[in-house]
Amino acid sequence: MLNFNRRHSSELDSPANQEPETEKTSSRFDASGLRDELLQETSENHRSVYRGASQYIVSKVPKHVSLRTIGIGVLIVIALLILSRFDALPFGGLGAGTYQAVFLSNGQVYFGMLSHRKSQYPTLTNIYYLQTGQQLQPSATSPNVSLVKLGDELHGPADTMRINRDHIVFIEDLKPDSQVVALIKQGQEQ
């Protein structure tokens, strides 16, 4: 590969190609002065560009924008944020008068009639839950599962439960012919 930046030795040795030392220093001084002038000129140009841009931006803002308009805009944004916290149709599609299965974030499942659906604390009444029977000897057969009516526990809770909506994972309507509904109806007849 050829190097075109390298000079021949004959060019370097000739006195015509060599400049006196005084001229080199003076040309360097002139170049640095020129550089300083260019820097000053470009910085002034940048300042004028920034000044022009800020004046352009300010001139594009409508002069009739008042504090009242800004206040109304802020109120609309706050109202939208508040309304976005609530669902438009919370638990929509659930049948009234039917039993629902309510699945909670802690893994519990309750069966009952759900009301006050739009509230932060929907109410579940006529409550049942599943309880597995503990066997002393583990067996290969399925565990003993029974449906228990809420209220028969040691602490004697009422048959009404208000549940925080934030802890409800999902809700399902139960079919009238489901096994859970059949067991609930059997328990009510007794």
Protein backbone atom coordinates (compact mmCIF):
# COMPACT_ATOMS: atom_id res chain seq x y z
CA MET A 1 0.00 0.00 0.00
CA LEU A 2 1.32 3.42 -0.88
CA ASN A 3 1.58 6.21 1.62
CA PHE A 4 0.85 9.54 -0.05
CA ASN A 5 1.48 11.63 3.06
CA ARG A 6 5.16 10.87 3.17
CA ARG A 7 7.53 13.25 1.41
CA HIS A 8 10.57 12.14 -0.47
CA SER A 9 13.87 12.75 1.22
CA SER A 10 14.89 15.10 -1.59
CA GLU A 11 11.94 17.41 -0.74
CA LEU A 12 12.84 17.49 2.93
CA ASP A 13 16.51 18.27 2.34
CA SER A 14 16.04 21.17 -0.07
CA PRO A 15 16.32 24.64 1.45
CA ALA A 16 13.38 25.95 -0.61
CA ASN A 17 10.99 23.68 1.24
CA GLN A 18 12.17 24.73 4.67
CA GLU A 19 10.68 27.83 6.24
CA PRO A 20 12.48 29.99 8.74
CA GLU A 21 11.56 29.42 12.38
CA THR A 22 10.25 32.96 12.83
CA GLU A 23 7.69 32.52 10.10
CA LYS A 24 6.38 29.31 11.69
CA THR A 25 5.73 30.96 15.01
CA SER A 26 4.08 33.99 13.43
CA SER A 27 1.82 31.80 11.27
CA ARG A 28 0.85 29.81 14.37
CA PHE A 29 0.02 33.01 16.19
CA ASP A 30 -2.11 34.18 13.29
CA ALA A 31 -3.91 30.83 13.13
CA SER A 32 -4.75 30.92 16.83
CA GLY A 33 -6.04 34.47 16.46
CA LEU A 34 -8.16 33.38 13.53
CA ARG A 35 -9.43 30.44 15.55
CA ASP A 36 -10.43 32.74 18.43
CA GLU A 37 -12.27 35.04 16.04
CA LEU A 38 -14.15 32.10 14.51
CA LEU A 39 -15.12 30.77 17.93
CA GLN A 40 -16.41 34.16 19.03
CA GLU A 41 -18.36 34.59 15.79
CA THR A 42 -19.98 31.14 16.01
CA SER A 43 -20.93 31.61 19.66
CA GLU A 44 -22.59 34.92 18.76
CA ASN A 45 -24.44 33.18 15.93
CA HIS A 46 -25.63 30.45 18.33
CA ARG A 47 -26.82 33.05 20.82
CA SER A 48 -28.81 34.83 18.14
CA VAL A 49 -30.31 31.52 16.98
CA TYR A 50 -31.35 30.63 20.54
CA ARG A 51 -32.71 34.14 21.06
CA GLY A 52 -34.68 33.85 17.82
CA ALA A 53 -36.03 30.41 18.72
CA SER A 54 -37.24 31.51 22.14
CA GLN A 55 -38.93 34.56 20.63
CA TYR A 56 -40.55 32.30 18.04
CA ILE A 57 -41.86 29.92 20.71
CA VAL A 58 -43.19 32.76 22.84
CA SER A 59 -44.86 34.35 19.83
CA LYS A 60 -46.70 31.07 19.06
CA VAL A 61 -48.41 30.91 22.48
CA PRO A 62 -51.85 32.51 22.14
CA LYS A 63 -52.06 35.74 24.06
CA HIS A 64 -55.71 35.16 25.05
CA VAL A 65 -54.91 32.10 27.24
CA SER A 66 -56.06 33.12 30.69
CA LEU A 67 -55.71 31.63 34.12
CA ARG A 68 -59.36 30.60 33.93
CA THR A 69 -58.70 28.47 30.84
CA ILE A 70 -55.66 26.89 32.44
CA GLY A 71 -57.66 26.21 35.63
CA ILE A 72 -60.45 24.53 33.70
CA GLY A 73 -57.91 22.37 31.89
CA VAL A 74 -56.33 21.31 35.19
CA LEU A 75 -59.77 20.47 36.64
CA ILE A 76 -60.60 18.32 33.62
CA VAL A 77 -57.33 16.41 33.98
CA ILE A 78 -57.97 15.84 37.71
CA ALA A 79 -61.53 14.67 37.01
CA LEU A 80 -60.28 12.21 34.39
CA LEU A 81 -57.71 10.83 36.82
CA ILE A 82 -60.36 10.34 39.50
CA LEU A 83 -62.79 8.69 37.09
CA SER A 84 -60.11 6.37 35.76
CA ARG A 85 -59.81 4.92 39.27
CA PHE A 86 -63.36 3.55 39.05
CA ASP A 87 -64.64 1.04 36.53
CA ALA A 88 -67.44 2.21 34.28
CA LEU A 89 -69.37 -1.04 34.79
CA PRO A 90 -67.85 -2.87 37.73
CA PHE A 91 -68.67 -6.56 37.76
CA GLY A 92 -70.91 -6.05 34.74
CA GLY A 93 -72.82 -8.98 33.33
CA LEU A 94 -73.48 -10.62 36.69
CA GLY A 95 -77.01 -11.86 37.11
CA ALA A 96 -79.06 -10.52 40.00
CA GLY A 97 -80.66 -13.24 42.07
CA THR A 98 -78.11 -15.86 41.08
CA TYR A 99 -75.26 -17.27 43.08
CA GLN A 100 -71.75 -16.10 42.35
CA ALA A 101 -68.32 -17.51 43.11
CA VAL A 102 -66.03 -14.73 44.39
CA PHE A 103 -62.32 -15.47 44.06
CA LEU A 104 -60.10 -13.40 46.35
CA SER A 105 -56.43 -12.51 46.05
CA ASN A 106 -55.57 -14.65 49.11
CA GLY A 107 -56.80 -17.82 47.39
CA GLN A 108 -60.14 -18.04 49.22
CA VAL A 109 -63.33 -18.69 47.23
CA TYR A 110 -66.73 -17.72 48.60
CA PHE A 111 -70.13 -18.58 47.14
CA GLY A 112 -73.17 -16.40 47.72
CA MET A 113 -75.36 -13.56 46.48
CA LEU A 114 -73.41 -10.44 45.55
CA SER A 115 -74.96 -6.98 45.93
CA HIS A 116 -73.75 -3.36 46.00
CA ARG A 117 -71.56 -4.16 43.03
CA LYS A 118 -70.65 -0.53 42.28
CA SER A 119 -69.39 0.09 45.81
CA GLN A 120 -65.75 -0.15 46.87
CA TYR A 121 -67.02 -2.84 49.28
CA PRO A 122 -69.51 -5.16 47.52
CA THR A 123 -71.64 -7.22 49.90
CA LEU A 124 -71.86 -11.00 49.77
CA THR A 125 -74.78 -12.69 51.59
CA ASN A 126 -75.90 -16.28 52.05
CA ILE A 127 -72.23 -17.25 52.10
CA TYR A 128 -70.70 -20.69 51.67
CA TYR A 129 -67.11 -21.81 51.22
CA LEU A 130 -65.27 -25.05 50.50
CA GLN A 131 -63.52 -26.91 53.30
CA THR A 132 -61.25 -29.90 52.85
CA GLY A 133 -61.37 -32.61 55.48
CA GLN A 134 -58.00 -33.49 56.95
CA GLN A 135 -57.27 -37.18 57.07
CA LEU A 136 -54.86 -38.71 59.56
CA GLN A 137 -53.71 -41.32 57.08
CA PRO A 138 -52.94 -39.90 53.62
CA SER A 139 -54.56 -41.96 50.91
CA ALA A 140 -54.48 -42.05 47.14
CA THR A 141 -58.15 -41.11 46.93
CA SER A 142 -59.25 -37.51 46.53
CA PRO A 143 -59.55 -35.42 49.70
CA ASN A 144 -62.90 -35.02 51.41
CA VAL A 145 -64.34 -31.63 50.33
CA SER A 146 -67.46 -30.19 51.89
CA LEU A 147 -69.46 -27.00 51.45
CA VAL A 148 -69.71 -25.07 54.72
CA LYS A 149 -72.16 -22.28 55.57
CA LEU A 150 -70.47 -19.17 56.95
CA GLY A 151 -71.51 -18.57 60.55
CA ASP A 152 -70.84 -22.02 62.02
CA GLU A 153 -67.24 -21.10 62.92
CA LEU A 154 -65.92 -20.63 66.45
CA HIS A 155 -65.96 -16.83 66.27
CA GLY A 156 -69.58 -16.84 64.96
CA PRO A 157 -69.49 -14.44 62.00
CA ALA A 158 -72.68 -12.98 60.54
CA ASP A 159 -73.88 -14.22 57.18
CA THR A 160 -72.84 -10.98 55.48
CA MET A 161 -69.41 -10.15 54.17
CA ARG A 162 -68.22 -6.82 52.79
CA ILE A 163 -65.25 -7.42 50.51
CA ASN A 164 -62.75 -4.81 49.38
CA ARG A 165 -62.89 -4.65 45.57
CA ASP A 166 -59.11 -4.41 45.40
CA HIS A 167 -58.88 -7.98 46.71
CA ILE A 168 -61.39 -9.51 44.30
CA VAL A 169 -59.56 -11.34 41.53
CA PHE A 170 -62.66 -12.33 39.55
CA ILE A 171 -66.33 -13.29 39.93
CA GLU A 172 -68.25 -16.06 38.20
CA ASP A 173 -71.99 -16.61 37.93
CA LEU A 174 -72.98 -20.12 38.97
CA LYS A 175 -75.40 -22.10 36.81
CA PRO A 176 -78.63 -23.11 38.54
CA ASP A 177 -77.79 -26.79 37.90
CA SER A 178 -74.20 -26.61 39.27
CA GLN A 179 -73.19 -28.92 42.12
CA VAL A 180 -72.50 -25.97 44.45
CA VAL A 181 -75.97 -24.47 43.91
CA ALA A 182 -77.56 -27.91 44.40
CA LEU A 183 -75.71 -28.33 47.73
CA ILE A 184 -76.71 -24.80 48.83
CA LYS A 185 -80.38 -25.56 48.09
CA GLN A 186 -80.13 -28.86 49.98
CA GLY A 187 -78.69 -27.02 52.99
CA GLN A 188 -81.48 -24.44 52.93
CA GLU A 189 -84.18 -27.16 52.85
CA GLN A 190 -82.83 -28.85 55.97
